Protein backbone atom coordinates (compact mmCIF):
# COMPACT_ATOMS: atom_id res chain seq x y z
CA MET A 1 0.00 0.00 0.00
CA LYS A 2 2.78 2.45 0.92
CA PHE A 3 4.49 2.01 -2.45
CA GLU A 4 1.20 2.40 -4.30
CA TYR A 5 0.03 5.53 -2.52
CA SER A 6 3.46 7.14 -2.82
CA HIS A 7 2.98 6.97 -6.58
CA LEU A 8 -0.44 8.54 -6.16
CA VAL A 9 1.12 11.45 -4.26
CA GLU A 10 3.72 11.84 -7.03
CA ASP A 11 0.94 11.97 -9.63
CA VAL A 12 -0.98 14.56 -7.60
CA GLN A 13 2.23 16.58 -7.55
CA LYS A 14 2.44 16.31 -11.36
CA LYS A 15 -1.09 17.62 -11.77
CA ALA A 16 -0.86 20.38 -9.13
CA VAL A 17 -0.79 23.91 -10.50
CA ILE A 18 1.90 24.85 -7.95
CA PRO A 19 4.65 22.40 -6.91
CA VAL A 20 4.32 21.52 -3.21
CA LYS A 21 7.55 22.81 -1.69
CA GLY A 22 6.25 24.35 1.53
CA VAL A 23 3.27 24.52 3.90
CA ARG A 24 1.79 27.47 1.99
CA ASP A 25 1.71 25.30 -1.14
CA VAL A 26 -0.23 22.63 0.78
CA LYS A 27 -2.98 25.18 1.44
CA LEU A 28 -3.15 26.06 -2.26
CA LEU A 29 -3.26 22.37 -3.20
CA LYS A 30 -6.08 21.78 -0.69
CA GLU A 31 -8.11 24.54 -2.35
CA ASP A 32 -7.40 23.12 -5.81
CA ILE A 33 -8.37 19.55 -4.84
CA GLU A 34 -11.62 20.70 -3.23
CA SER A 35 -12.42 22.94 -6.21
CA VAL A 36 -11.87 20.12 -8.73
CA THR A 37 -13.58 17.31 -6.80
CA GLY A 38 -16.24 19.16 -4.81
CA LEU A 39 -15.07 17.14 -1.79
CA THR A 40 -13.37 18.13 1.47
CA ILE A 41 -9.88 16.95 2.38
CA SER A 42 -8.10 17.63 5.67
CA TYR A 43 -5.24 20.12 5.66
CA ASN A 44 -3.31 17.96 8.15
CA THR A 45 -3.86 14.87 5.98
CA LEU A 46 -2.11 16.65 3.11
CA ARG A 47 0.66 17.83 5.41
CA ARG A 48 1.27 14.19 6.41
CA LEU A 49 1.23 13.00 2.80
CA PHE A 50 3.82 15.57 1.79
CA GLY A 51 6.05 15.07 4.83
CA PHE A 52 5.31 18.21 6.82
CA LEU A 53 3.90 16.09 9.67
CA GLU A 54 4.72 12.53 10.75
CA ARG A 55 3.50 10.18 8.02
CA THR A 56 0.61 7.76 8.62
CA THR A 57 -1.17 5.41 6.21
CA PRO A 58 -3.94 7.41 4.48
CA SER A 59 -7.53 6.21 4.62
CA LEU A 60 -9.32 4.84 1.57
CA ILE A 61 -11.51 7.97 1.60
CA THR A 62 -8.40 10.15 1.22
CA LEU A 63 -7.02 7.92 -1.55
CA ASN A 64 -10.35 8.08 -3.39
CA ILE A 65 -10.43 11.90 -3.16
CA LEU A 66 -6.88 12.19 -4.52
CA SER A 67 -7.73 9.73 -7.30
CA GLN A 68 -10.81 11.76 -8.23
CA TYR A 69 -8.64 14.87 -8.33
CA LEU A 70 -6.58 13.09 -10.98
CA GLY A 71 -9.72 12.27 -12.94
CA PHE A 72 -10.32 8.67 -11.85
CA LYS A 73 -13.55 7.38 -10.34
CA SER A 74 -11.79 5.77 -7.36
CA TYR A 75 -8.44 4.63 -6.02
CA ALA A 76 -9.08 1.17 -7.49
CA ASN A 77 -9.70 2.75 -10.88
CA TYR A 78 -6.47 4.73 -10.50
CA LEU A 79 -4.49 1.54 -9.76
CA ASN A 80 -5.87 -0.07 -12.91
CA ASN A 81 -4.84 2.86 -15.09
CA LYS A 82 -1.87 4.44 -13.33
CA SER A 83 0.54 3.20 -16.01
CA ASN A 84 -0.74 6.08 -18.14
CA PHE A 85 1.15 8.40 -15.81
CA ASP A 86 4.35 6.62 -16.85
CA ASP A 87 5.53 8.75 -19.78
CA TRP A 88 7.34 5.99 -21.69
CA TYR A 89 4.65 3.34 -21.13
CA PHE A 90 2.00 5.74 -22.39
CA TYR A 91 4.13 6.73 -25.39
CA GLN A 92 4.39 3.07 -26.36
CA LYS A 93 0.60 2.84 -26.32
CA LEU A 94 0.44 5.81 -28.67
CA LEU A 95 2.86 4.07 -31.04
CA HIS A 96 0.58 1.01 -31.08
CA MET A 97 -2.44 3.24 -31.77
CA GLN A 98 -0.58 4.97 -34.59
CA THR A 99 -0.43 1.71 -36.55
CA SER A 100 -3.94 0.51 -35.70
CA GLY A 101 -5.88 2.36 -38.41
CA ASN A 102 -9.08 4.21 -37.46
CA ILE A 103 -9.25 5.52 -33.91
CA SER A 104 -12.06 4.16 -31.73
CA ALA A 105 -14.00 5.76 -28.86
CA ASP A 106 -12.26 3.37 -26.43
CA GLN A 107 -8.86 4.61 -27.60
CA VAL A 108 -10.00 8.21 -27.02
CA LYS A 109 -10.75 7.19 -23.41
CA LEU A 110 -7.11 6.14 -23.15
CA LEU A 111 -6.06 9.57 -24.51
CA ASN A 112 -8.24 11.25 -21.87
CA ILE A 113 -6.54 9.30 -19.10
CA GLY A 114 -3.18 10.28 -20.60
CA LEU A 115 -4.19 13.95 -20.59
CA LEU A 116 -4.38 13.81 -16.79
CA ASN A 117 -0.58 13.78 -16.82
CA THR A 118 0.52 17.06 -18.43
CA LEU A 119 3.83 15.41 -19.41
CA ASN A 120 1.80 13.45 -21.96
CA ILE A 121 0.54 16.56 -23.76
CA ALA A 122 3.31 16.77 -26.37
CA PRO A 123 3.18 13.03 -27.27
CA ILE A 124 -0.64 13.17 -27.55
CA ALA A 125 -0.44 16.26 -29.77
CA SER A 126 2.22 14.63 -31.94
CA PHE A 127 0.06 11.50 -32.21
CA ILE A 128 -2.98 13.54 -33.32
CA GLY A 129 -0.65 15.36 -35.72
CA SER A 130 0.16 12.03 -37.33
CA VAL A 131 -3.57 11.50 -37.89
CA VAL A 132 -3.67 14.95 -39.55
CA ASP A 133 -0.77 13.90 -41.80
CA ARG A 134 -2.72 10.94 -43.15
CA TYR A 135 -5.92 13.00 -43.65
CA ASP A 136 -8.04 10.69 -41.51
CA VAL A 137 -11.15 12.84 -41.05
CA LYS A 138 -13.14 10.06 -39.38
CA SER A 139 -10.52 9.43 -36.69
CA LEU A 140 -9.98 13.15 -36.08
CA SER A 141 -13.74 13.62 -35.63
CA VAL A 142 -13.84 10.75 -33.13
CA ILE A 143 -10.82 12.17 -31.25
CA PHE A 144 -12.07 15.75 -30.93
CA SER A 145 -15.65 14.73 -30.21
CA GLY A 146 -14.50 12.65 -27.24
CA LEU A 147 -11.35 14.41 -25.99
CA ALA A 148 -11.89 16.00 -22.53
CA LEU A 149 -9.89 19.14 -23.26
CA ASP A 150 -11.85 21.24 -20.78
CA LYS A 151 -9.88 19.54 -17.99
CA VAL A 152 -6.50 20.50 -19.48
CA PRO A 153 -4.84 23.60 -17.88
CA GLU A 154 -4.27 26.65 -20.09
CA GLY A 155 -0.49 26.19 -20.48
CA PRO A 156 -0.72 22.59 -21.74
CA GLN A 157 -3.64 23.67 -23.96
CA MET A 158 -1.33 26.14 -25.68
CA LYS A 159 1.27 23.39 -26.22
CA LEU A 160 -1.39 21.16 -27.74
CA GLY A 161 -2.67 23.97 -29.98
CA THR A 162 0.86 24.88 -31.09
CA ILE A 163 1.85 21.35 -32.11
CA LEU A 164 -1.44 20.67 -33.89
CA SER A 165 -1.41 24.00 -35.74
CA HIS A 166 2.03 23.16 -37.10
CA ALA A 167 0.79 19.73 -38.15
CA PHE A 168 -1.67 21.52 -40.47
CA LEU A 169 1.19 23.64 -41.85
CA ARG A 170 3.03 20.45 -42.91
CA ILE A 171 0.34 19.49 -45.42
CA SER A 172 -0.78 21.36 -48.52
CA ARG A 173 -2.91 24.48 -48.05
CA GLU A 174 -5.86 22.95 -49.94
CA THR A 175 -5.74 19.75 -47.89
CA ALA A 176 -5.42 21.69 -44.63
CA LEU A 177 -8.42 23.88 -45.45
CA ALA A 178 -10.50 20.83 -46.36
CA LEU A 179 -9.65 19.30 -42.97
CA TYR A 180 -10.39 22.53 -41.12
CA LYS A 181 -13.76 22.76 -42.85
CA GLU A 182 -14.65 19.26 -41.59
CA LEU A 183 -13.42 19.83 -38.04
CA LEU A 184 -14.31 23.46 -37.24
CA PRO A 185 -17.94 22.60 -36.32
CA ILE A 186 -16.52 20.52 -33.41
CA ASP A 187 -16.24 22.91 -30.44
CA SER A 188 -13.23 21.24 -28.81
CA PHE A 189 -11.23 21.34 -32.06
CA ARG A 190 -12.13 24.96 -32.78
CA ASN A 191 -11.33 26.08 -29.25
CA MET A 192 -8.12 24.07 -28.94
CA VAL A 193 -6.48 24.74 -32.31
CA PRO A 194 -7.33 27.95 -34.25
CA LEU A 195 -8.78 29.87 -31.29
CA THR A 196 -5.82 29.01 -29.03
CA TYR A 197 -2.91 29.34 -31.45
CA ILE A 198 -3.18 32.81 -33.03
CA ASP A 199 -0.83 32.33 -35.98
CA TYR A 200 0.28 35.86 -36.88
CA SER A 201 3.04 34.47 -39.12
CA ASN A 202 0.43 32.93 -41.43
CA LEU A 203 -2.34 35.50 -41.09
CA ASN A 204 -1.96 36.30 -44.80
CA THR A 205 -1.96 32.63 -45.81
CA LEU A 206 -3.51 29.54 -44.20
CA TYR A 207 -4.49 31.00 -40.82
CA GLY A 208 -6.30 33.97 -42.37
CA ASP A 209 -8.36 31.56 -44.49
CA VAL A 210 -9.17 29.51 -41.38
CA VAL A 211 -10.41 32.60 -39.53
CA ILE A 212 -12.72 33.39 -42.46
CA LEU A 213 -14.05 29.81 -42.21
CA ILE A 214 -14.62 30.18 -38.45
CA ARG A 215 -16.74 33.26 -39.09
CA ALA A 216 -18.66 31.58 -41.91
CA LEU A 217 -19.30 28.19 -40.29
CA ASN A 218 -20.65 29.10 -36.84
CA SER A 219 -22.79 31.73 -35.17
CA ASN A 220 -21.11 31.70 -31.74
CA VAL A 221 -20.99 35.38 -30.74
CA SER A 222 -17.50 35.29 -29.21
CA ASP A 223 -16.07 33.36 -32.20
CA VAL A 224 -17.52 35.86 -34.69
CA PHE A 225 -16.18 38.71 -32.51
CA PHE A 226 -12.74 37.06 -32.45
CA SER A 227 -12.78 36.52 -36.23
CA ASN A 228 -13.82 40.10 -36.99
CA LEU A 229 -10.99 41.46 -34.82
CA ILE A 230 -8.32 39.20 -36.29
CA LEU A 231 -9.33 40.03 -39.85
CA GLU A 232 -9.28 43.75 -39.05
CA TYR A 233 -5.79 43.30 -37.57
CA ARG A 234 -4.79 41.72 -40.90
CA HIS A 235 -6.08 44.72 -42.87
CA PHE A 236 -4.31 47.11 -40.52
CA PHE A 237 -0.92 45.41 -40.50
CA ASN A 238 -1.02 44.81 -44.24
CA GLY A 239 -1.04 48.60 -44.54
CA SER A 240 -4.58 49.12 -45.82
CA GLY A 241 -6.03 50.42 -42.53
CA PHE A 242 -9.15 49.15 -40.80
CA GLN A 243 -12.13 48.28 -42.98
CA ASN A 244 -14.51 48.35 -40.01
CA LYS A 245 -13.88 50.76 -37.15
CA GLU A 246 -17.16 50.03 -35.40
CA ILE A 247 -16.72 46.53 -33.95
CA GLN A 248 -18.58 46.42 -30.63
CA LEU A 249 -18.03 44.27 -27.54
CA PRO A 250 -20.56 41.42 -27.19
CA LYS A 251 -23.07 41.78 -24.38
CA ASN A 252 -21.42 38.97 -22.38
CA SER A 253 -17.96 40.52 -22.65
CA ASN A 254 -16.99 39.55 -19.09
CA SER A 255 -16.83 35.91 -20.20
CA LEU A 256 -14.31 36.67 -22.98
CA HIS A 257 -10.69 35.63 -22.54
CA HIS A 258 -8.61 38.54 -21.28
CA VAL A 259 -6.16 38.32 -24.22
CA LEU A 260 -9.13 38.76 -26.56
CA LEU A 261 -10.38 41.74 -24.53
CA GLY A 262 -6.90 43.27 -24.70
CA ARG A 263 -6.92 42.73 -28.47
CA TYR A 264 -10.26 44.57 -28.69
CA TYR A 265 -8.96 47.59 -26.78
CA GLY A 266 -5.77 47.46 -28.87
CA TYR A 267 -7.97 47.61 -31.97
CA LYS A 268 -9.86 50.60 -30.53
CA ILE A 269 -6.58 52.42 -29.88
CA MET A 270 -5.23 51.74 -33.37
CA ALA A 271 -8.55 52.63 -35.02
CA SER A 272 -8.67 56.05 -33.31
CA GLU A 273 -7.80 58.92 -35.66
CA THR A 274 -6.85 61.16 -32.74
CA ARG A 275 -6.05 60.70 -29.08
CA ASP A 276 -9.20 59.56 -27.24
CA PRO A 277 -9.06 60.45 -23.50
CA VAL A 278 -12.37 58.66 -22.83
CA LEU A 279 -11.05 55.43 -24.35
CA LEU A 280 -7.78 55.65 -22.42
CA LYS A 281 -9.68 56.22 -19.17
CA GLU A 282 -11.84 53.17 -19.90
CA ILE A 283 -8.70 51.09 -20.54
CA LEU A 284 -7.27 52.05 -17.14
CA ARG A 285 -10.58 51.01 -15.57
CA GLN A 286 -10.46 47.68 -17.39
CA CYS A 287 -6.91 47.02 -16.15
CA LYS A 288 -8.22 46.94 -12.57
CA GLN A 289 -10.65 44.13 -13.44
CA ARG A 290 -8.48 41.90 -15.67
CA ASN A 291 -5.62 39.46 -15.46
CA MET A 292 -2.91 41.85 -16.62
CA THR A 293 -0.53 39.13 -17.82
CA HIS A 294 -3.17 38.36 -20.47
CA PHE A 295 -4.93 41.70 -20.95
CA SER A 296 -1.68 43.65 -21.48
CA GLN A 297 -0.27 41.61 -24.37
CA GLU A 298 -2.10 43.11 -27.36
CA LEU A 299 -2.87 46.33 -25.49
CA PHE A 300 0.79 47.28 -24.94
CA LEU A 301 1.71 46.64 -28.58
CA ALA A 302 -1.11 48.93 -29.74
CA LEU A 303 0.00 51.67 -27.31
CA ILE A 304 3.52 51.43 -28.78
CA LEU A 305 2.26 51.80 -32.35
CA LYS A 306 0.11 54.82 -31.49
CA ASN A 307 2.89 56.31 -29.35
CA GLU A 308 0.54 56.55 -26.32
CA MET A 309 3.49 56.60 -23.95
CA ASN A 310 1.82 58.37 -21.02
CA THR A 311 -0.87 55.69 -20.78
CA LEU A 312 1.75 52.97 -21.25
CA ALA A 313 3.87 54.47 -18.46
CA THR A 314 0.89 54.66 -16.09
CA ILE A 315 -0.02 50.99 -16.61
CA LEU A 316 3.58 49.81 -16.31
CA ASP A 317 4.00 51.72 -13.04
CA LEU A 318 0.86 50.10 -11.62
CA TYR A 319 1.41 46.50 -12.75
CA TYR A 320 5.17 46.13 -13.30
CA GLU A 321 5.73 43.40 -10.70
CA GLU A 322 2.68 41.38 -11.75
CA LEU A 323 3.75 41.50 -15.41
CA LEU A 324 7.23 40.18 -14.68
CA GLU A 325 6.20 37.19 -12.54
CA SER A 326 8.08 34.13 -13.77
CA ASP A 327 5.91 31.18 -12.63
CA ARG A 328 3.20 31.44 -15.29
CA TRP A 329 2.98 29.38 -18.46
CA ASN A 330 2.99 32.51 -20.67
CA ALA A 331 5.68 34.32 -18.66
CA LYS A 332 8.27 34.48 -21.46
CA THR A 333 5.80 36.10 -23.87
CA THR A 334 4.44 38.61 -21.34
CA THR A 335 7.95 39.45 -20.15
CA ALA A 336 9.16 40.00 -23.72
CA ILE A 337 6.23 42.34 -24.46
CA THR A 338 6.77 44.20 -21.17
CA LEU A 339 10.50 44.69 -21.84
CA ILE A 340 9.86 45.86 -25.41
CA SER A 341 7.28 48.29 -24.00
CA LEU A 342 9.74 49.58 -21.40
CA ALA A 343 12.37 50.03 -24.12
CA ASN A 344 9.97 52.11 -26.21
CA LEU A 345 9.11 54.18 -23.15
CA ASN A 346 12.86 54.72 -22.58
CA VAL A 347 13.30 55.86 -26.20
CA PHE A 348 10.40 58.27 -25.75
CA THR A 349 12.14 59.85 -22.72
CA ASN A 350 15.55 59.69 -24.50
CA ASP A 351 16.95 57.21 -21.95
CA LEU A 352 18.77 55.16 -24.57
CA LYS A 353 21.02 53.07 -22.32
CA PRO A 354 18.10 51.62 -20.31
CA ALA A 355 16.24 51.11 -23.60
CA ARG A 356 19.10 49.02 -24.94
CA ARG A 357 19.44 47.06 -21.68
CA ASN A 358 15.73 46.20 -21.72
CA LEU A 359 15.95 44.87 -25.28
CA GLU A 360 19.13 42.92 -24.55
CA ILE A 361 17.36 40.76 -21.95
CA VAL A 362 14.36 39.96 -24.15
CA GLU A 363 14.30 36.19 -24.81
CA LEU A 364 12.44 36.35 -28.10
CA GLU A 365 13.17 32.73 -28.99
CA LYS A 366 11.34 31.58 -25.82
CA ALA A 367 8.11 33.47 -26.53
CA GLU A 368 5.11 31.47 -27.72
CA MET A 369 5.65 30.44 -31.35
CA SER A 370 2.42 32.14 -32.38
CA TYR A 371 3.91 35.49 -31.27
CA HIS A 372 7.53 34.93 -32.32
CA ASN A 373 7.64 36.73 -35.68
CA TYR A 374 4.96 39.23 -34.64
CA LEU A 375 6.98 40.30 -31.59
CA GLY A 376 10.12 40.23 -33.73
CA LEU A 377 8.69 43.11 -35.78
CA PHE A 378 8.27 45.25 -32.64
CA TYR A 379 11.65 44.14 -31.30
CA HIS A 380 13.63 45.14 -34.41
CA PHE A 381 11.52 48.27 -34.93
CA THR A 382 12.56 49.34 -31.41
CA TYR A 383 16.24 48.64 -32.16
CA LEU A 384 15.81 50.74 -35.32
CA LYS A 385 14.54 53.65 -33.20
CA ILE A 386 17.42 53.31 -30.72
CA SER A 387 20.08 53.13 -33.44
CA PHE A 388 18.54 56.14 -35.19
CA ALA A 389 18.65 58.18 -31.96
CA GLU A 390 22.28 57.14 -31.40
CA ASN A 391 23.23 57.68 -35.09
CA ASN A 392 24.52 54.09 -35.09
CA LYS A 393 24.59 53.44 -38.85
CA LYS A 394 25.74 49.83 -38.70
CA GLU A 395 23.04 48.73 -36.23
CA ASN A 396 20.43 50.82 -38.01
CA ALA A 397 21.19 48.98 -41.25
CA SER A 398 21.15 45.52 -39.66
CA SER A 399 17.90 46.26 -37.79
CA LEU A 400 16.31 47.40 -41.03
CA VAL A 401 17.39 44.22 -42.84
CA GLU A 402 15.87 42.03 -40.12
CA LEU A 403 12.72 44.13 -40.02
CA HIS A 404 12.27 43.80 -43.79
CA ARG A 405 12.84 40.04 -43.57
CA LEU A 406 9.96 39.73 -41.10
CA ILE A 407 7.77 42.08 -43.16
CA THR A 408 8.30 39.84 -46.18
CA LEU A 409 7.55 36.75 -44.09
CA THR A 410 4.33 38.09 -42.54
CA GLY A 411 3.13 40.55 -45.18
CA PHE A 412 2.78 43.23 -42.47
CA ASN A 413 3.72 46.24 -44.64
CA TYR A 414 2.53 48.67 -41.97
CA PHE A 415 5.94 48.29 -40.31
CA LYS A 416 7.63 49.40 -43.54
CA THR A 417 5.69 52.67 -43.36
CA ILE A 418 6.28 53.43 -39.69
CA SER A 419 10.00 52.60 -39.94
CA ILE A 420 10.71 55.31 -42.55
CA PRO A 421 11.27 58.19 -40.04
CA PHE A 422 13.89 56.10 -38.20
CA ILE A 423 16.07 55.08 -41.16
CA LEU A 424 19.49 56.73 -41.37
CA LYS A 425 20.38 57.77 -44.93
CA SER A 426 23.18 55.24 -45.26
CA SER A 427 20.79 52.44 -44.15
CA ALA A 428 18.07 53.14 -46.71
CA PRO A 429 17.52 50.33 -49.25
CA LYS A 430 19.09 50.94 -52.67
CA ASN A 431 16.51 51.17 -55.46
């Protein structure tokens, strides 16, 4: 029994949002267990299990609660399926499934058990990607109709969405669009793949076509709102301006993801012909009600483009520490955006050394892949501004080359226009 329940404790540790390293973490784990299961577990019981009090053999009731936290019906059910928490054993099962032809509902149950261990996310995504490669619509429909993705935390969801989105990029555009058209009516697929992985790099190719399909194939208010915003972003960054400046928030806007809300307010900022004090005041009010690590992402980038540095400075002063927390799944992306924002603020106040230092510690290669090239445009545009202010001809030229490479890759010609005032004469492209 001791050996068996020690594995259960290890698996609870794997699932826990926060690693249990101290007594404070035990309290957070207690709250999480009770929230997930709807059951009560003793604080002292957890302290004993994790070695903060003298260990005793846990009761079957405790073992059942912990097993239910992991997604199993009971401790007995956990013992029968615990091998799925063994990464290599589970991976071998996926290899067997890969050669078995059509995927069955029973095999999807196995995938759901595997999803309980977040270490299995990448292998599961790669497995589903192999089904995409062979254009098996029937199996993909069975998988996404039965996959319990609502139980997967947000960070692992992004990993799943990233790997699967790139699986679609491996096949021809026509084949990918045909698959998307078949699968987009399935909520779990739509939410996990195109609505999770916002592929700015391919907004002018495959991803832009997919967003048009999302808008055409369903009437979900938030999905249509998302699609309208993304397509307006495409018009704007392509250099043709916004086609529709009157997109309105849905009535149930409080239920929208905070990144999407930040994108909406970013759109409002960029769509404004002149400075709008009422809008900026509303944005500051929204900041008080939102998760700033999500809400700030698109908002900050819009403030940079519109040179709204006073508003940017106010928000950074208020939420600096929260934005630079390092224990979140999206920390690298948020930190990169925050540092690029600080660098632009430094350029605005002519503090060029701090501006350069802020850019030097940006880990662009560790940002979410969906943002990598998009953030790269802001990153090199900021270096262009710094090198212009310093009259650094060599860096100005190299920044411009990199900026133009990303413009060609994304089709975002807007950056070509806004870069013109910051190009030193010797850096300008030869006609």
